[in-house]
Amino acid sequence: MKELNVMQERKVWHLVDLLPNIDPIGCRWVFALKKNETGEVVRYKARLVGQGFKQIKGISYDDTFSPVVNFSLIRFFFAVLVVGQNWVHIQCDIKCAYLY
């Protein structure tokens, strides 16, 4: 729910009016447990998924949203890394970085 709260706080989405005679696509929560090597639960995970199988071609069929980086941006960063002299690649995870 942390990511959902951040999206709400940063106002990166808005509600739209439902078109007449259109049924909205449903959604469902998917829950999972993250365990360590001994099998002990270390984190509870949840994600909200849309029921894309209910989409109708021609009605918002190509509109998608995912709060993750575009792959072309990753390729760009690697290209810059290769061209740069004596540059070091360090990986990290920045939560909610691509919401603007």
Protein backbone atom coordinates (compact mmCIF):
# COMPACT_ATOMS: atom_id res chain seq x y z
CA MET A 1 0.00 0.00 0.00
CA LYS A 2 3.02 2.29 0.37
CA GLU A 3 3.38 2.73 -3.40
CA LEU A 4 -0.36 3.39 -3.76
CA ASN A 5 -0.19 6.06 -1.05
CA VAL A 6 2.81 7.71 -2.73
CA MET A 7 0.98 7.84 -6.06
CA GLN A 8 -1.99 9.43 -4.31
CA GLU A 9 0.17 11.97 -2.44
CA ARG A 10 2.03 13.01 -5.61
CA LYS A 11 -1.19 13.27 -7.62
CA VAL A 12 0.18 11.24 -10.54
CA TRP A 13 -3.25 9.89 -11.45
CA HIS A 14 -6.79 11.18 -11.52
CA LEU A 15 -10.27 9.75 -11.69
CA VAL A 16 -12.13 10.00 -14.97
CA ASP A 17 -15.83 9.81 -15.70
CA LEU A 18 -17.08 6.41 -16.80
CA LEU A 19 -18.23 6.43 -20.42
CA PRO A 20 -21.87 5.50 -20.95
CA ASN A 21 -22.52 1.83 -21.85
CA ILE A 22 -18.93 0.85 -20.97
CA ASP A 23 -18.16 -1.70 -18.28
CA PRO A 24 -14.94 -0.88 -16.40
CA ILE A 25 -12.17 -3.46 -16.32
CA GLY A 26 -12.04 -5.16 -12.95
CA CYS A 27 -9.02 -5.61 -10.74
CA ARG A 28 -7.80 -8.01 -8.12
CA TRP A 29 -5.27 -7.98 -5.30
CA VAL A 30 -2.50 -10.59 -5.51
CA PHE A 31 -0.71 -11.35 -2.25
CA ALA A 32 2.66 -13.06 -1.74
CA LEU A 33 5.12 -13.77 1.04
CA LYS A 34 8.84 -13.12 0.71
CA LYS A 35 10.89 -15.59 2.74
CA ASN A 36 14.56 -15.81 3.65
CA GLU A 37 16.75 -18.87 3.12
CA THR A 38 15.41 -20.55 6.26
CA GLY A 39 11.79 -20.14 5.17
CA GLU A 40 10.98 -17.40 7.66
CA VAL A 41 8.60 -14.71 6.34
CA VAL A 42 10.52 -11.44 6.04
CA ARG A 43 8.06 -9.37 4.00
CA TYR A 44 4.47 -9.33 2.89
CA LYS A 45 3.92 -8.25 -0.71
CA ALA A 46 0.77 -7.18 -2.51
CA ARG A 47 0.00 -5.84 -5.96
CA LEU A 48 -3.16 -4.72 -7.69
CA VAL A 49 -3.61 -6.23 -11.14
CA GLY A 50 -6.09 -5.31 -13.85
CA GLN A 51 -8.15 -7.99 -15.56
CA GLY A 52 -6.79 -7.26 -19.02
CA PHE A 53 -8.58 -10.22 -20.54
CA LYS A 54 -11.76 -8.12 -20.35
CA GLN A 55 -10.40 -5.39 -22.62
CA ILE A 56 -12.28 -4.63 -25.81
CA LYS A 57 -10.26 -3.65 -28.88
CA GLY A 58 -10.79 0.02 -29.72
CA ILE A 59 -11.85 1.06 -26.20
CA SER A 60 -8.73 2.18 -24.29
CA TYR A 61 -7.12 -0.97 -25.64
CA ASP A 62 -3.65 0.51 -26.06
CA ASP A 63 -3.63 2.67 -22.89
CA THR A 64 -1.37 1.17 -20.23
CA PHE A 65 0.36 2.39 -17.10
CA SER A 66 3.19 0.93 -15.09
CA PRO A 67 5.23 2.87 -12.53
CA VAL A 68 8.57 1.49 -13.76
CA VAL A 69 11.38 2.84 -15.90
CA ASN A 70 11.18 2.57 -19.68
CA PHE A 71 13.70 0.03 -21.02
CA SER A 72 15.09 2.53 -23.56
CA LEU A 73 16.22 4.69 -20.62
CA ILE A 74 18.15 1.73 -19.17
CA ARG A 75 19.87 1.18 -22.53
CA PHE A 76 20.76 4.88 -22.64
CA PHE A 77 22.39 4.73 -19.20
CA PHE A 78 24.43 1.67 -20.19
CA ALA A 79 25.55 3.42 -23.39
CA VAL A 80 26.68 6.43 -21.36
CA LEU A 81 28.45 4.08 -18.95
CA VAL A 82 30.35 2.38 -21.79
CA VAL A 83 31.41 5.67 -23.39
CA GLY A 84 32.51 7.27 -20.11
CA GLN A 85 36.12 6.70 -19.16
CA ASN A 86 36.76 5.01 -15.82
CA TRP A 87 33.09 5.14 -14.85
CA VAL A 88 31.82 2.68 -12.27
CA HIS A 89 28.37 1.08 -12.36
CA ILE A 90 26.58 0.93 -9.01
CA GLN A 91 23.09 -0.50 -8.80
CA CYS A 92 20.42 0.64 -6.36
CA ASP A 93 16.65 0.61 -6.00
CA ILE A 94 14.85 3.92 -5.70
CA LYS A 95 11.22 3.38 -4.79
CA CYS A 96 8.62 5.47 -6.63
CA ALA A 97 11.31 7.20 -8.74
CA TYR A 98 9.34 7.28 -12.00
CA LEU A 99 6.04 8.75 -10.87
CA TYR A 100 6.49 12.21 -12.38
